[in-house]
Amino acid sequence: MIPILLLLLFSYSAMLISSEDEEISDPNFDPKVCNLESDYGNGKNTTPVIRWHYHNSTQTCQPFVYSGSGGNGNNFKSFDMCYIRCFLVPNKTRDEKE
């Protein structure tokens, strides 16, 4: 029961996120980026920010410090987008194939 409630909560949260968010509106998103390690990036003139990356071995989204530029695609502005892109969608696709 709890997993279903969490799924509904995250799904609802995702609907509330603005459609201007590049993760939502990017039809070319490649789920393979979810297998990459978090990457601090190479920004030197920006203030570091907290971002989210998918940790493949634990199948969770975790915060990390991002320099503001560079890095890789396993870099999400919110926990919700990380969870949707790297956990919900790949699992849904896998379940549909079975």
N, C-alpha and C. Protein backbone atom coordinates (compact mmCIF):
# COMPACT_ATOMS: atom_id res chain seq x y z
N MET A 1 0.82 -1.19 0.00
CA MET A 1 0.00 0.00 0.00
C MET A 1 0.87 1.27 0.00
N ILE A 2 1.91 1.27 0.82
CA ILE A 2 2.80 2.44 0.91
C ILE A 2 3.47 2.71 -0.45
N PRO A 3 4.02 1.68 -1.15
CA PRO A 3 4.64 1.97 -2.45
C PRO A 3 3.67 2.61 -3.44
N ILE A 4 2.43 2.18 -3.42
CA ILE A 4 1.44 2.75 -4.34
C ILE A 4 1.19 4.22 -3.99
N LEU A 5 1.10 4.53 -2.70
CA LEU A 5 0.90 5.92 -2.29
C LEU A 5 2.09 6.78 -2.68
N LEU A 6 3.30 6.25 -2.52
CA LEU A 6 4.49 6.99 -2.92
C LEU A 6 4.50 7.24 -4.42
N LEU A 7 4.14 6.23 -5.18
CA LEU A 7 4.08 6.38 -6.64
C LEU A 7 3.09 7.47 -7.03
N LEU A 8 1.93 7.46 -6.40
CA LEU A 8 0.93 8.49 -6.69
C LEU A 8 1.43 9.87 -6.30
N LEU A 9 2.10 9.96 -5.16
CA LEU A 9 2.64 11.24 -4.71
C LEU A 9 3.67 11.78 -5.69
N PHE A 10 4.60 10.93 -6.14
CA PHE A 10 5.63 11.37 -7.08
C PHE A 10 5.02 11.71 -8.44
N SER A 11 4.04 10.95 -8.86
CA SER A 11 3.39 11.24 -10.14
C SER A 11 2.68 12.59 -10.09
N TYR A 12 2.00 12.85 -8.99
CA TYR A 12 1.31 14.13 -8.83
C TYR A 12 2.32 15.27 -8.78
N SER A 13 3.41 15.07 -8.07
CA SER A 13 4.44 16.10 -7.97
C SER A 13 5.00 16.43 -9.35
N ALA A 14 5.19 15.42 -10.16
CA ALA A 14 5.73 15.64 -11.51
C ALA A 14 4.79 16.48 -12.36
N MET A 15 3.49 16.29 -12.17
CA MET A 15 2.53 17.08 -12.94
C MET A 15 2.58 18.55 -12.53
N LEU A 16 2.98 18.82 -11.31
CA LEU A 16 3.03 20.20 -10.83
C LEU A 16 4.26 20.95 -11.31
N ILE A 17 5.27 20.21 -11.76
CA ILE A 17 6.50 20.84 -12.23
C ILE A 17 6.22 21.54 -13.56
N SER A 18 6.78 22.68 -13.74
CA SER A 18 6.56 23.47 -14.95
C SER A 18 6.99 22.71 -16.20
N SER A 19 6.23 22.87 -17.27
CA SER A 19 6.59 22.22 -18.53
C SER A 19 7.82 22.87 -19.16
N GLU A 20 8.29 23.98 -18.58
CA GLU A 20 9.50 24.61 -19.09
C GLU A 20 10.76 23.86 -18.65
N ASP A 21 10.62 22.93 -17.73
CA ASP A 21 11.76 22.17 -17.24
C ASP A 21 12.29 21.31 -18.39
N GLU A 22 13.58 21.43 -18.69
CA GLU A 22 14.13 20.74 -19.86
C GLU A 22 14.00 19.23 -19.77
N GLU A 23 13.98 18.66 -18.58
CA GLU A 23 13.86 17.21 -18.47
C GLU A 23 12.48 16.73 -18.94
N ILE A 24 11.44 17.51 -18.65
CA ILE A 24 10.10 17.10 -19.05
C ILE A 24 9.92 17.24 -20.56
N SER A 25 10.41 18.32 -21.11
CA SER A 25 10.14 18.61 -22.52
C SER A 25 11.18 18.04 -23.47
N ASP A 26 12.12 17.26 -23.00
CA ASP A 26 13.19 16.73 -23.85
C ASP A 26 12.82 15.35 -24.38
N PRO A 27 12.34 15.26 -25.63
CA PRO A 27 11.97 13.96 -26.19
C PRO A 27 13.18 13.09 -26.52
N ASN A 28 14.37 13.68 -26.52
CA ASN A 28 15.58 12.93 -26.86
C ASN A 28 16.32 12.41 -25.63
N PHE A 29 15.67 12.45 -24.46
CA PHE A 29 16.32 11.98 -23.25
C PHE A 29 16.72 10.52 -23.42
N ASP A 30 17.96 10.21 -23.08
CA ASP A 30 18.48 8.84 -23.17
C ASP A 30 18.62 8.27 -21.77
N PRO A 31 17.82 7.25 -21.40
CA PRO A 31 17.88 6.70 -20.06
C PRO A 31 19.25 6.09 -19.70
N LYS A 32 20.12 5.90 -20.69
CA LYS A 32 21.45 5.37 -20.40
C LYS A 32 22.26 6.31 -19.52
N VAL A 33 21.92 7.61 -19.52
CA VAL A 33 22.66 8.55 -18.67
C VAL A 33 22.46 8.21 -17.20
N CYS A 34 21.40 7.48 -16.88
CA CYS A 34 21.13 7.12 -15.49
C CYS A 34 22.19 6.16 -14.95
N ASN A 35 22.97 5.55 -15.83
CA ASN A 35 24.04 4.64 -15.41
C ASN A 35 25.35 5.36 -15.12
N LEU A 36 25.43 6.64 -15.45
CA LEU A 36 26.66 7.40 -15.23
C LEU A 36 26.80 7.82 -13.77
N GLU A 37 28.04 7.98 -13.34
CA GLU A 37 28.32 8.49 -12.00
C GLU A 37 27.97 9.98 -11.95
N SER A 38 27.73 10.50 -10.76
CA SER A 38 27.51 11.94 -10.65
C SER A 38 28.80 12.66 -11.04
N ASP A 39 28.66 13.84 -11.61
CA ASP A 39 29.83 14.59 -12.10
C ASP A 39 29.72 16.03 -11.63
N TYR A 40 30.68 16.48 -10.84
CA TYR A 40 30.70 17.84 -10.30
C TYR A 40 30.68 18.88 -11.41
N GLY A 41 31.25 18.58 -12.56
CA GLY A 41 31.31 19.53 -13.67
C GLY A 41 32.60 20.32 -13.65
N ASN A 42 32.66 21.35 -14.50
CA ASN A 42 33.89 22.13 -14.60
C ASN A 42 33.67 23.63 -14.41
N GLY A 43 32.55 24.01 -13.83
CA GLY A 43 32.25 25.43 -13.61
C GLY A 43 33.18 26.04 -12.58
N LYS A 44 33.76 27.18 -12.93
CA LYS A 44 34.69 27.85 -12.02
C LYS A 44 34.18 29.21 -11.59
N ASN A 45 33.32 29.80 -12.37
CA ASN A 45 32.84 31.15 -12.06
C ASN A 45 31.38 31.15 -11.63
N THR A 46 30.89 30.03 -11.18
CA THR A 46 29.50 29.94 -10.76
C THR A 46 29.42 29.40 -9.34
N THR A 47 28.32 29.65 -8.70
CA THR A 47 28.10 29.13 -7.36
C THR A 47 27.60 27.69 -7.49
N PRO A 48 28.24 26.75 -6.81
CA PRO A 48 27.76 25.36 -6.86
C PRO A 48 26.32 25.25 -6.35
N VAL A 49 25.60 24.31 -6.91
CA VAL A 49 24.20 24.08 -6.53
C VAL A 49 23.99 22.61 -6.21
N ILE A 50 22.93 22.33 -5.51
CA ILE A 50 22.57 20.94 -5.24
C ILE A 50 21.71 20.45 -6.40
N ARG A 51 22.12 19.33 -6.97
CA ARG A 51 21.35 18.65 -8.02
C ARG A 51 21.13 17.21 -7.58
N TRP A 52 20.43 16.46 -8.39
CA TRP A 52 20.10 15.06 -8.10
C TRP A 52 20.64 14.16 -9.20
N HIS A 53 21.18 13.01 -8.81
CA HIS A 53 21.63 12.01 -9.77
C HIS A 53 21.05 10.66 -9.37
N TYR A 54 20.92 9.78 -10.35
CA TYR A 54 20.42 8.44 -10.09
C TYR A 54 21.59 7.54 -9.75
N HIS A 55 21.52 6.90 -8.60
CA HIS A 55 22.55 5.96 -8.16
C HIS A 55 22.07 4.57 -8.53
N ASN A 56 22.64 4.01 -9.59
CA ASN A 56 22.13 2.79 -10.20
C ASN A 56 22.16 1.59 -9.26
N SER A 57 23.22 1.42 -8.49
CA SER A 57 23.32 0.22 -7.66
C SER A 57 22.30 0.21 -6.51
N THR A 58 21.91 1.38 -6.02
CA THR A 58 20.90 1.43 -4.96
C THR A 58 19.51 1.76 -5.50
N GLN A 59 19.44 2.07 -6.78
CA GLN A 59 18.19 2.44 -7.46
C GLN A 59 17.46 3.56 -6.72
N THR A 60 18.24 4.59 -6.35
CA THR A 60 17.67 5.75 -5.68
C THR A 60 18.24 7.02 -6.31
N CYS A 61 17.54 8.11 -6.11
CA CYS A 61 18.04 9.42 -6.53
C CYS A 61 18.69 10.07 -5.32
N GLN A 62 19.90 10.58 -5.52
CA GLN A 62 20.65 11.15 -4.41
C GLN A 62 21.14 12.55 -4.77
N PRO A 63 21.23 13.43 -3.78
CA PRO A 63 21.73 14.78 -4.05
C PRO A 63 23.24 14.77 -4.24
N PHE A 64 23.73 15.72 -5.02
CA PHE A 64 25.17 15.93 -5.16
C PHE A 64 25.42 17.40 -5.46
N VAL A 65 26.65 17.82 -5.28
CA VAL A 65 27.02 19.22 -5.54
C VAL A 65 27.47 19.34 -6.99
N TYR A 66 26.87 20.29 -7.71
CA TYR A 66 27.17 20.52 -9.12
C TYR A 66 27.76 21.91 -9.27
N SER A 67 28.80 22.02 -10.08
CA SER A 67 29.51 23.29 -10.23
C SER A 67 28.75 24.34 -11.03
N GLY A 68 27.75 23.94 -11.77
CA GLY A 68 26.97 24.89 -12.56
C GLY A 68 27.18 24.78 -14.06
N SER A 69 28.24 24.09 -14.50
CA SER A 69 28.43 23.86 -15.93
C SER A 69 29.24 22.58 -16.13
N GLY A 70 29.13 22.03 -17.35
CA GLY A 70 29.81 20.77 -17.64
C GLY A 70 29.07 19.60 -17.01
N GLY A 71 29.79 18.55 -16.74
CA GLY A 71 29.17 17.37 -16.14
C GLY A 71 28.58 16.46 -17.20
N ASN A 72 27.64 15.62 -16.77
CA ASN A 72 27.00 14.69 -17.70
C ASN A 72 25.48 14.74 -17.53
N GLY A 73 24.79 13.88 -18.23
CA GLY A 73 23.34 13.91 -18.24
C GLY A 73 22.66 13.38 -17.00
N ASN A 74 23.41 12.70 -16.12
CA ASN A 74 22.82 12.21 -14.88
C ASN A 74 22.83 13.35 -13.87
N ASN A 75 22.03 14.37 -14.17
CA ASN A 75 22.05 15.63 -13.44
C ASN A 75 20.65 16.24 -13.56
N PHE A 76 19.90 16.19 -12.50
CA PHE A 76 18.51 16.63 -12.52
C PHE A 76 18.29 17.75 -11.51
N LYS A 77 17.43 18.70 -11.86
CA LYS A 77 17.15 19.84 -10.99
C LYS A 77 16.32 19.44 -9.77
N SER A 78 15.59 18.34 -9.87
CA SER A 78 14.74 17.94 -8.76
C SER A 78 14.79 16.43 -8.56
N PHE A 79 14.47 16.02 -7.35
CA PHE A 79 14.35 14.59 -7.05
C PHE A 79 13.29 13.97 -7.95
N ASP A 80 12.16 14.67 -8.11
CA ASP A 80 11.06 14.13 -8.90
C ASP A 80 11.47 13.79 -10.32
N MET A 81 12.21 14.70 -10.98
CA MET A 81 12.61 14.43 -12.36
C MET A 81 13.59 13.28 -12.42
N CYS A 82 14.50 13.20 -11.47
CA CYS A 82 15.43 12.07 -11.42
C CYS A 82 14.65 10.77 -11.29
N TYR A 83 13.70 10.76 -10.39
CA TYR A 83 12.92 9.56 -10.12
C TYR A 83 12.09 9.15 -11.34
N ILE A 84 11.46 10.12 -11.97
CA ILE A 84 10.63 9.83 -13.15
C ILE A 84 11.49 9.31 -14.30
N ARG A 85 12.57 10.01 -14.60
CA ARG A 85 13.41 9.65 -15.76
C ARG A 85 14.17 8.35 -15.57
N CYS A 86 14.66 8.11 -14.37
CA CYS A 86 15.58 6.98 -14.19
C CYS A 86 14.97 5.79 -13.45
N PHE A 87 13.83 5.96 -12.82
CA PHE A 87 13.23 4.85 -12.10
C PHE A 87 11.86 4.48 -12.66
N LEU A 88 10.94 5.42 -12.69
CA LEU A 88 9.58 5.10 -13.13
C LEU A 88 9.51 4.71 -14.59
N VAL A 89 10.08 5.51 -15.47
CA VAL A 89 9.96 5.24 -16.91
C VAL A 89 10.66 3.95 -17.31
N PRO A 90 11.93 3.71 -16.91
CA PRO A 90 12.56 2.44 -17.28
C PRO A 90 11.82 1.23 -16.72
N ASN A 91 11.31 1.31 -15.49
CA ASN A 91 10.58 0.18 -14.92
C ASN A 91 9.26 -0.03 -15.63
N LYS A 92 8.59 1.04 -16.02
CA LYS A 92 7.34 0.92 -16.76
C LYS A 92 7.60 0.26 -18.11
N THR A 93 8.65 0.68 -18.79
CA THR A 93 9.00 0.09 -20.09
C THR A 93 9.31 -1.39 -19.93
N ARG A 94 10.07 -1.74 -18.90
CA ARG A 94 10.41 -3.14 -18.65
C ARG A 94 9.15 -3.94 -18.39
N ASP A 95 8.24 -3.42 -17.56
CA ASP A 95 7.02 -4.13 -17.22
C ASP A 95 6.14 -4.34 -18.45
N GLU A 96 6.12 -3.39 -19.38
CA GLU A 96 5.30 -3.51 -20.58
C GLU A 96 5.83 -4.60 -21.50
N LYS A 97 7.15 -4.86 -21.46
CA LYS A 97 7.74 -5.88 -22.33
C LYS A 97 7.50 -7.29 -21.81
N GLU A 98 7.24 -7.42 -20.51
CA GLU A 98 7.05 -8.75 -19.91
C GLU A 98 5.69 -9.31 -20.21
